Amino acid sequence: MSILWRHKHFNELSLDELFTLMRARVDVFVVEQNCPYPELDDADIAADTLHLMGYQDGQLCAYARCISKGENLAIGRVLCVDRWRGQGVAKELMNEALSLCHSHFPGRTVVLSAQTYLLDFYRGFGFETQGERYLEDGIEHQDMQLIGQ
């Protein structure tokens, strides 16, 4: 599988790219997970936020964003479009996101807020749990930090 990876700041996104990534995020995080919450936030438009998009056959297949979170750098809104699940796309996405974090924000600690059913997936990249589990928008989450960067 050959995925074309692109990353852009908000002001570099075309209208088509913006619509496509926002639609995918709403489809996954609001509709699919039956979780009505304000999906769009100010982190999307922050000057240092990077939107990572993966394309297969000219269509968005994966997305994540890298945002500043205090002294840390957070990977969030990690998604794989349902059509491409089970094909290793999510692993490629995380490898790309981590590479992006290290190249554009060297030396910053990488963190994420994981849905608890994905803890083992993120552990596979070197993340370890931090603190206690908590509910976010009705879904159990756990903070994680990349160890041994």
N, C-alpha and C. Protein backbone atom coordinates (compact mmCIF):
# COMPACT_ATOMS: atom_id res chain seq x y z
N MET A 1 0.85 -1.18 0.00
CA MET A 1 0.00 0.00 0.00
C MET A 1 0.89 1.24 0.00
N SER A 2 0.59 2.13 -0.88
CA SER A 2 1.38 3.35 -0.98
C SER A 2 0.52 4.55 -0.58
N ILE A 3 0.83 5.11 0.56
CA ILE A 3 0.08 6.25 1.08
C ILE A 3 0.88 7.51 0.83
N LEU A 4 0.23 8.52 0.32
CA LEU A 4 0.84 9.83 0.12
C LEU A 4 0.56 10.65 1.38
N TRP A 5 1.62 11.06 2.07
CA TRP A 5 1.48 11.82 3.32
C TRP A 5 1.74 13.29 3.05
N ARG A 6 0.88 14.13 3.60
CA ARG A 6 1.05 15.58 3.53
C ARG A 6 0.79 16.16 4.91
N HIS A 7 1.51 17.21 5.24
CA HIS A 7 1.23 17.94 6.47
C HIS A 7 1.20 19.43 6.15
N LYS A 8 0.27 20.11 6.81
CA LYS A 8 0.10 21.54 6.55
C LYS A 8 -0.38 22.25 7.81
N HIS A 9 -0.07 23.52 7.87
CA HIS A 9 -0.67 24.39 8.88
C HIS A 9 -2.07 24.76 8.39
N PHE A 10 -2.91 25.22 9.29
CA PHE A 10 -4.29 25.54 8.96
C PHE A 10 -4.40 26.48 7.76
N ASN A 11 -3.59 27.55 7.77
CA ASN A 11 -3.70 28.55 6.70
C ASN A 11 -3.16 28.05 5.36
N GLU A 12 -2.56 26.87 5.33
CA GLU A 12 -2.08 26.27 4.08
C GLU A 12 -3.07 25.28 3.48
N LEU A 13 -4.07 24.90 4.26
CA LEU A 13 -5.05 23.92 3.79
C LEU A 13 -5.94 24.52 2.71
N SER A 14 -6.19 23.75 1.67
CA SER A 14 -7.17 24.19 0.67
C SER A 14 -8.56 23.98 1.26
N LEU A 15 -9.55 24.60 0.66
CA LEU A 15 -10.91 24.40 1.14
C LEU A 15 -11.33 22.94 1.04
N ASP A 16 -10.93 22.26 -0.03
CA ASP A 16 -11.25 20.84 -0.19
C ASP A 16 -10.58 20.00 0.90
N GLU A 17 -9.32 20.28 1.19
CA GLU A 17 -8.63 19.54 2.24
C GLU A 17 -9.29 19.77 3.59
N LEU A 18 -9.61 21.01 3.89
CA LEU A 18 -10.24 21.34 5.15
C LEU A 18 -11.59 20.63 5.29
N PHE A 19 -12.41 20.70 4.25
CA PHE A 19 -13.71 20.05 4.30
C PHE A 19 -13.55 18.54 4.50
N THR A 20 -12.64 17.93 3.76
CA THR A 20 -12.45 16.49 3.81
C THR A 20 -11.98 16.02 5.18
N LEU A 21 -11.01 16.74 5.77
CA LEU A 21 -10.52 16.30 7.08
C LEU A 21 -11.55 16.57 8.17
N MET A 22 -12.26 17.67 8.09
CA MET A 22 -13.28 17.95 9.09
C MET A 22 -14.44 16.96 8.99
N ARG A 23 -14.81 16.61 7.77
CA ARG A 23 -15.88 15.63 7.60
C ARG A 23 -15.46 14.28 8.18
N ALA A 24 -14.23 13.86 7.91
CA ALA A 24 -13.74 12.59 8.44
C ALA A 24 -13.73 12.61 9.97
N ARG A 25 -13.30 13.70 10.56
CA ARG A 25 -13.28 13.80 12.02
C ARG A 25 -14.68 13.73 12.60
N VAL A 26 -15.62 14.44 12.01
CA VAL A 26 -17.00 14.39 12.50
C VAL A 26 -17.58 12.99 12.31
N ASP A 27 -17.34 12.39 11.15
CA ASP A 27 -17.84 11.03 10.89
C ASP A 27 -17.35 10.04 11.94
N VAL A 28 -16.06 10.11 12.30
CA VAL A 28 -15.49 9.16 13.24
C VAL A 28 -15.81 9.53 14.68
N PHE A 29 -15.47 10.75 15.09
CA PHE A 29 -15.53 11.09 16.50
C PHE A 29 -16.91 11.50 17.00
N VAL A 30 -17.78 11.97 16.13
CA VAL A 30 -19.11 12.39 16.56
C VAL A 30 -20.16 11.34 16.17
N VAL A 31 -20.21 11.00 14.88
CA VAL A 31 -21.26 10.10 14.40
C VAL A 31 -20.96 8.65 14.78
N GLU A 32 -19.82 8.12 14.34
CA GLU A 32 -19.48 6.71 14.57
C GLU A 32 -19.40 6.38 16.06
N GLN A 33 -18.80 7.27 16.85
CA GLN A 33 -18.65 7.01 18.28
C GLN A 33 -19.84 7.53 19.07
N ASN A 34 -20.85 8.04 18.36
CA ASN A 34 -22.07 8.53 18.99
C ASN A 34 -21.74 9.45 20.17
N CYS A 35 -20.95 10.46 19.87
CA CYS A 35 -20.43 11.35 20.91
C CYS A 35 -20.62 12.81 20.48
N PRO A 36 -21.79 13.37 20.76
CA PRO A 36 -22.01 14.76 20.36
C PRO A 36 -21.20 15.73 21.23
N TYR A 37 -20.22 16.35 20.60
CA TYR A 37 -19.40 17.34 21.28
C TYR A 37 -18.84 18.28 20.22
N PRO A 38 -18.35 19.45 20.61
CA PRO A 38 -17.80 20.38 19.61
C PRO A 38 -16.46 19.88 19.07
N GLU A 39 -16.50 19.20 17.94
CA GLU A 39 -15.31 18.58 17.35
C GLU A 39 -14.25 19.60 16.95
N LEU A 40 -14.65 20.74 16.46
CA LEU A 40 -13.70 21.77 16.04
C LEU A 40 -13.31 22.61 17.25
N ASP A 41 -12.02 22.92 17.34
CA ASP A 41 -11.58 23.74 18.46
C ASP A 41 -10.47 24.69 18.02
N ASP A 42 -10.06 25.54 18.92
CA ASP A 42 -9.05 26.56 18.59
C ASP A 42 -7.69 25.95 18.25
N ALA A 43 -7.43 24.73 18.70
CA ALA A 43 -6.15 24.10 18.36
C ALA A 43 -6.02 23.89 16.85
N ASP A 44 -7.14 23.72 16.17
CA ASP A 44 -7.10 23.52 14.71
C ASP A 44 -6.45 24.69 13.99
N ILE A 45 -6.69 25.89 14.49
CA ILE A 45 -6.23 27.09 13.79
C ILE A 45 -4.96 27.71 14.39
N ALA A 46 -4.43 27.09 15.45
CA ALA A 46 -3.21 27.62 16.08
C ALA A 46 -2.07 27.62 15.07
N ALA A 47 -1.24 28.63 15.14
CA ALA A 47 -0.17 28.82 14.15
C ALA A 47 0.80 27.65 14.06
N ASP A 48 1.04 26.95 15.18
CA ASP A 48 2.02 25.87 15.14
C ASP A 48 1.40 24.47 15.01
N THR A 49 0.09 24.38 14.91
CA THR A 49 -0.56 23.08 14.71
C THR A 49 -0.27 22.57 13.31
N LEU A 50 0.09 21.30 13.23
CA LEU A 50 0.30 20.64 11.95
C LEU A 50 -0.78 19.59 11.74
N HIS A 51 -1.43 19.65 10.60
CA HIS A 51 -2.46 18.68 10.22
C HIS A 51 -1.79 17.67 9.29
N LEU A 52 -1.81 16.40 9.69
CA LEU A 52 -1.19 15.32 8.92
C LEU A 52 -2.29 14.53 8.22
N MET A 53 -2.18 14.43 6.91
CA MET A 53 -3.20 13.75 6.11
C MET A 53 -2.55 12.69 5.25
N GLY A 54 -3.15 11.50 5.24
CA GLY A 54 -2.68 10.42 4.40
C GLY A 54 -3.71 10.14 3.32
N TYR A 55 -3.24 10.01 2.08
CA TYR A 55 -4.14 9.79 0.94
C TYR A 55 -3.82 8.45 0.27
N GLN A 56 -4.87 7.72 -0.02
CA GLN A 56 -4.77 6.47 -0.77
C GLN A 56 -5.77 6.56 -1.91
N ASP A 57 -5.32 6.31 -3.11
CA ASP A 57 -6.19 6.39 -4.29
C ASP A 57 -6.87 7.77 -4.38
N GLY A 58 -6.15 8.81 -3.98
CA GLY A 58 -6.67 10.17 -4.07
C GLY A 58 -7.69 10.54 -3.01
N GLN A 59 -7.94 9.66 -2.05
CA GLN A 59 -8.92 9.94 -1.00
C GLN A 59 -8.25 9.90 0.36
N LEU A 60 -8.74 10.75 1.27
CA LEU A 60 -8.21 10.77 2.63
C LEU A 60 -8.45 9.42 3.29
N CYS A 61 -7.39 8.80 3.79
CA CYS A 61 -7.55 7.52 4.48
C CYS A 61 -7.15 7.62 5.95
N ALA A 62 -6.37 8.64 6.33
CA ALA A 62 -5.92 8.77 7.71
C ALA A 62 -5.61 10.23 8.01
N TYR A 63 -5.73 10.57 9.30
CA TYR A 63 -5.51 11.95 9.71
C TYR A 63 -5.06 11.97 11.17
N ALA A 64 -4.23 12.94 11.51
CA ALA A 64 -3.87 13.25 12.90
C ALA A 64 -3.39 14.70 12.92
N ARG A 65 -3.39 15.28 14.10
CA ARG A 65 -2.83 16.63 14.22
C ARG A 65 -1.82 16.65 15.35
N CYS A 66 -0.81 17.48 15.18
CA CYS A 66 0.23 17.68 16.18
C CYS A 66 0.07 19.10 16.71
N ILE A 67 -0.15 19.23 18.01
CA ILE A 67 -0.40 20.55 18.60
C ILE A 67 0.49 20.78 19.82
N SER A 68 0.81 22.03 20.06
CA SER A 68 1.52 22.41 21.28
C SER A 68 0.56 22.28 22.45
N LYS A 69 1.07 21.70 23.52
CA LYS A 69 0.28 21.55 24.75
C LYS A 69 1.20 21.86 25.91
N GLY A 70 1.29 23.15 26.23
CA GLY A 70 2.25 23.58 27.24
C GLY A 70 3.66 23.38 26.71
N GLU A 71 4.50 22.71 27.49
CA GLU A 71 5.86 22.42 27.05
C GLU A 71 5.93 21.16 26.20
N ASN A 72 4.80 20.45 26.11
CA ASN A 72 4.74 19.19 25.37
C ASN A 72 4.17 19.39 23.98
N LEU A 73 4.22 18.33 23.23
CA LEU A 73 3.62 18.29 21.91
C LEU A 73 2.63 17.13 21.92
N ALA A 74 1.38 17.39 21.56
CA ALA A 74 0.35 16.36 21.61
C ALA A 74 -0.04 15.90 20.21
N ILE A 75 -0.17 14.60 20.07
CA ILE A 75 -0.75 14.02 18.87
C ILE A 75 -2.21 13.75 19.19
N GLY A 76 -3.09 14.22 18.35
CA GLY A 76 -4.51 14.04 18.63
C GLY A 76 -5.34 13.86 17.38
N ARG A 77 -6.61 13.60 17.59
CA ARG A 77 -7.59 13.39 16.52
C ARG A 77 -7.10 12.32 15.54
N VAL A 78 -6.47 11.29 16.08
CA VAL A 78 -5.91 10.20 15.28
C VAL A 78 -7.06 9.36 14.73
N LEU A 79 -7.11 9.26 13.40
CA LEU A 79 -8.20 8.47 12.81
C LEU A 79 -7.77 7.80 11.53
N CYS A 80 -8.41 6.69 11.28
CA CYS A 80 -8.28 5.97 10.02
C CYS A 80 -9.69 5.81 9.47
N VAL A 81 -9.91 6.25 8.26
CA VAL A 81 -11.23 6.15 7.64
C VAL A 81 -11.60 4.67 7.54
N ASP A 82 -12.86 4.34 7.86
CA ASP A 82 -13.26 2.94 8.00
C ASP A 82 -12.91 2.06 6.80
N ARG A 83 -12.97 2.59 5.62
CA ARG A 83 -12.65 1.81 4.41
C ARG A 83 -11.23 1.25 4.43
N TRP A 84 -10.31 1.92 5.13
CA TRP A 84 -8.90 1.52 5.14
C TRP A 84 -8.46 0.89 6.46
N ARG A 85 -9.39 0.60 7.35
CA ARG A 85 -9.01 -0.03 8.62
C ARG A 85 -8.61 -1.48 8.40
N GLY A 86 -7.75 -1.95 9.29
CA GLY A 86 -7.32 -3.34 9.22
C GLY A 86 -6.26 -3.61 8.17
N GLN A 87 -5.67 -2.55 7.62
CA GLN A 87 -4.67 -2.70 6.57
C GLN A 87 -3.32 -2.10 6.95
N GLY A 88 -3.15 -1.77 8.23
CA GLY A 88 -1.88 -1.22 8.69
C GLY A 88 -1.76 0.28 8.53
N VAL A 89 -2.83 0.94 8.10
CA VAL A 89 -2.79 2.39 7.88
C VAL A 89 -2.57 3.15 9.19
N ALA A 90 -3.21 2.70 10.27
CA ALA A 90 -3.07 3.39 11.56
C ALA A 90 -1.62 3.36 12.04
N LYS A 91 -0.94 2.25 11.84
CA LYS A 91 0.47 2.16 12.24
C LYS A 91 1.32 3.12 11.41
N GLU A 92 1.06 3.16 10.11
CA GLU A 92 1.80 4.10 9.25
C GLU A 92 1.52 5.54 9.68
N LEU A 93 0.27 5.82 10.02
CA LEU A 93 -0.11 7.17 10.47
C LEU A 93 0.67 7.56 11.71
N MET A 94 0.73 6.69 12.70
CA MET A 94 1.46 7.03 13.93
C MET A 94 2.95 7.19 13.67
N ASN A 95 3.52 6.34 12.82
CA ASN A 95 4.94 6.52 12.48
C ASN A 95 5.18 7.86 11.81
N GLU A 96 4.30 8.25 10.91
CA GLU A 96 4.41 9.56 10.24
C GLU A 96 4.24 10.70 11.24
N ALA A 97 3.26 10.57 12.14
CA ALA A 97 3.01 11.62 13.13
C ALA A 97 4.22 11.79 14.05
N LEU A 98 4.80 10.69 14.50
CA LEU A 98 5.98 10.77 15.36
C LEU A 98 7.16 11.37 14.63
N SER A 99 7.36 10.98 13.39
CA SER A 99 8.43 11.56 12.58
C SER A 99 8.23 13.06 12.41
N LEU A 100 7.00 13.46 12.16
CA LEU A 100 6.67 14.88 12.02
C LEU A 100 6.96 15.64 13.31
N CYS A 101 6.56 15.08 14.43
CA CYS A 101 6.82 15.71 15.73
C CYS A 101 8.32 15.91 15.96
N HIS A 102 9.09 14.88 15.71
CA HIS A 102 10.53 14.95 15.97
C HIS A 102 11.25 15.89 15.01
N SER A 103 10.79 15.96 13.77
CA SER A 103 11.48 16.82 12.81
C SER A 103 11.09 18.30 12.94
N HIS A 104 9.82 18.57 13.27
CA HIS A 104 9.37 19.96 13.36
C HIS A 104 9.44 20.53 14.78
N PHE A 105 9.46 19.68 15.77
CA PHE A 105 9.47 20.13 17.17
C PHE A 105 10.49 19.31 17.95
N PRO A 106 11.76 19.34 17.57
CA PRO A 106 12.77 18.49 18.23
C PRO A 106 12.89 18.80 19.71
N GLY A 107 13.08 17.74 20.48
CA GLY A 107 13.31 17.90 21.91
C GLY A 107 12.07 18.04 22.75
N ARG A 108 10.90 18.15 22.13
CA ARG A 108 9.67 18.29 22.91
C ARG A 108 9.12 16.91 23.26
N THR A 109 8.57 16.78 24.44
CA THR A 109 7.97 15.53 24.88
C THR A 109 6.64 15.34 24.16
N VAL A 110 6.44 14.15 23.61
CA VAL A 110 5.21 13.85 22.87
C VAL A 110 4.23 13.15 23.80
N VAL A 111 3.02 13.66 23.84
CA VAL A 111 1.96 13.11 24.68
C VAL A 111 0.72 12.87 23.83
N LEU A 112 -0.22 12.11 24.39
CA LEU A 112 -1.53 11.96 23.75
C LEU A 112 -2.54 11.53 24.79
N SER A 113 -3.80 11.71 24.46
CA SER A 113 -4.91 11.27 25.28
C SER A 113 -5.57 10.13 24.52
N ALA A 114 -5.37 8.91 25.01
CA ALA A 114 -5.81 7.71 24.28
C ALA A 114 -7.14 7.19 24.80
N GLN A 115 -8.00 6.80 23.89
CA GLN A 115 -9.16 6.03 24.29
C GLN A 115 -8.61 4.71 24.83
N THR A 116 -9.12 4.25 25.96
CA THR A 116 -8.46 3.15 26.67
C THR A 116 -8.42 1.84 25.88
N TYR A 117 -9.32 1.63 24.96
CA TYR A 117 -9.25 0.39 24.18
C TYR A 117 -8.06 0.39 23.22
N LEU A 118 -7.39 1.54 23.05
CA LEU A 118 -6.23 1.66 22.16
C LEU A 118 -4.90 1.74 22.91
N LEU A 119 -4.90 1.52 24.22
CA LEU A 119 -3.67 1.65 25.00
C LEU A 119 -2.55 0.76 24.47
N ASP A 120 -2.85 -0.49 24.18
CA ASP A 120 -1.81 -1.40 23.68
C ASP A 120 -1.28 -0.96 22.32
N PHE A 121 -2.15 -0.43 21.48
CA PHE A 121 -1.71 0.09 20.18
C PHE A 121 -0.65 1.17 20.39
N TYR A 122 -0.92 2.13 21.26
CA TYR A 122 0.03 3.22 21.49
C TYR A 122 1.28 2.76 22.25
N ARG A 123 1.14 1.76 23.11
CA ARG A 123 2.31 1.21 23.80
C ARG A 123 3.31 0.66 22.78
N GLY A 124 2.79 0.15 21.67
CA GLY A 124 3.64 -0.39 20.62
C GLY A 124 4.58 0.64 20.00
N PHE A 125 4.30 1.93 20.24
CA PHE A 125 5.15 3.01 19.73
C PHE A 125 6.04 3.60 20.82
N GLY A 126 5.96 3.05 22.04
CA GLY A 126 6.79 3.53 23.14
C GLY A 126 6.08 4.45 24.12
N PHE A 127 4.76 4.59 23.99
CA PHE A 127 4.01 5.43 24.93
C PHE A 127 3.73 4.64 26.21
N GLU A 128 3.76 5.35 27.34
CA GLU A 128 3.40 4.76 28.62
C GLU A 128 2.31 5.61 29.27
N THR A 129 1.45 4.94 30.03
CA THR A 129 0.33 5.63 30.66
C THR A 129 0.83 6.56 31.75
N GLN A 130 0.09 7.65 31.93
CA GLN A 130 0.38 8.67 32.94
C GLN A 130 -0.91 8.96 33.70
N GLY A 131 -0.87 8.95 35.02
CA GLY A 131 -2.03 9.34 35.81
C GLY A 131 -3.15 8.31 35.76
N GLU A 132 -4.33 8.78 36.08
CA GLU A 132 -5.51 7.92 36.17
C GLU A 132 -6.36 8.01 34.91
N ARG A 133 -7.16 7.01 34.68
CA ARG A 133 -8.13 7.04 33.58
C ARG A 133 -9.22 8.06 33.90
N TYR A 134 -9.82 8.61 32.86
CA TYR A 134 -10.86 9.63 33.04
C TYR A 134 -11.84 9.56 31.88
N LEU A 135 -13.01 10.13 32.11
CA LEU A 135 -14.02 10.21 31.06
C LEU A 135 -13.88 11.54 30.33
N GLU A 136 -13.85 11.47 29.02
CA GLU A 136 -13.86 12.66 28.18
C GLU A 136 -14.99 12.48 27.18
N ASP A 137 -15.98 13.34 27.27
CA ASP A 137 -17.15 13.25 26.39
C ASP A 137 -17.78 11.86 26.45
N GLY A 138 -17.79 11.26 27.66
CA GLY A 138 -18.44 9.98 27.86
C GLY A 138 -17.62 8.77 27.44
N ILE A 139 -16.37 8.96 27.02
CA ILE A 139 -15.51 7.86 26.59
C ILE A 139 -14.29 7.82 27.51
N GLU A 140 -13.95 6.60 28.00
CA GLU A 140 -12.82 6.46 28.90
C GLU A 140 -11.50 6.71 28.15
N HIS A 141 -10.66 7.56 28.74
CA HIS A 141 -9.37 7.94 28.16
C HIS A 141 -8.26 7.75 29.21
N GLN A 142 -7.04 7.77 28.72
CA GLN A 142 -5.86 7.68 29.56
C GLN A 142 -4.77 8.55 28.92
N ASP A 143 -4.15 9.42 29.71
CA ASP A 143 -3.03 10.20 29.20
C ASP A 143 -1.83 9.28 29.03
N MET A 144 -1.05 9.55 27.96
CA MET A 144 0.13 8.76 27.69
C MET A 144 1.27 9.69 27.28
N GLN A 145 2.50 9.24 27.54
CA GLN A 145 3.69 10.00 27.20
C GLN A 145 4.68 9.08 26.50
N LEU A 146 5.32 9.59 25.46
CA LEU A 146 6.33 8.82 24.75
C LEU A 146 7.58 8.74 25.61
N ILE A 147 8.02 7.53 25.85
CA ILE A 147 9.19 7.30 26.70
C ILE A 147 10.36 6.91 25.81
N GLY A 148 11.54 7.41 26.15
CA GLY A 148 12.75 7.05 25.43
C GLY A 148 12.83 7.67 24.05
N GLN A 149 12.44 8.94 23.96
CA GLN A 149 12.49 9.64 22.68
C GLN A 149 13.91 9.80 22.31
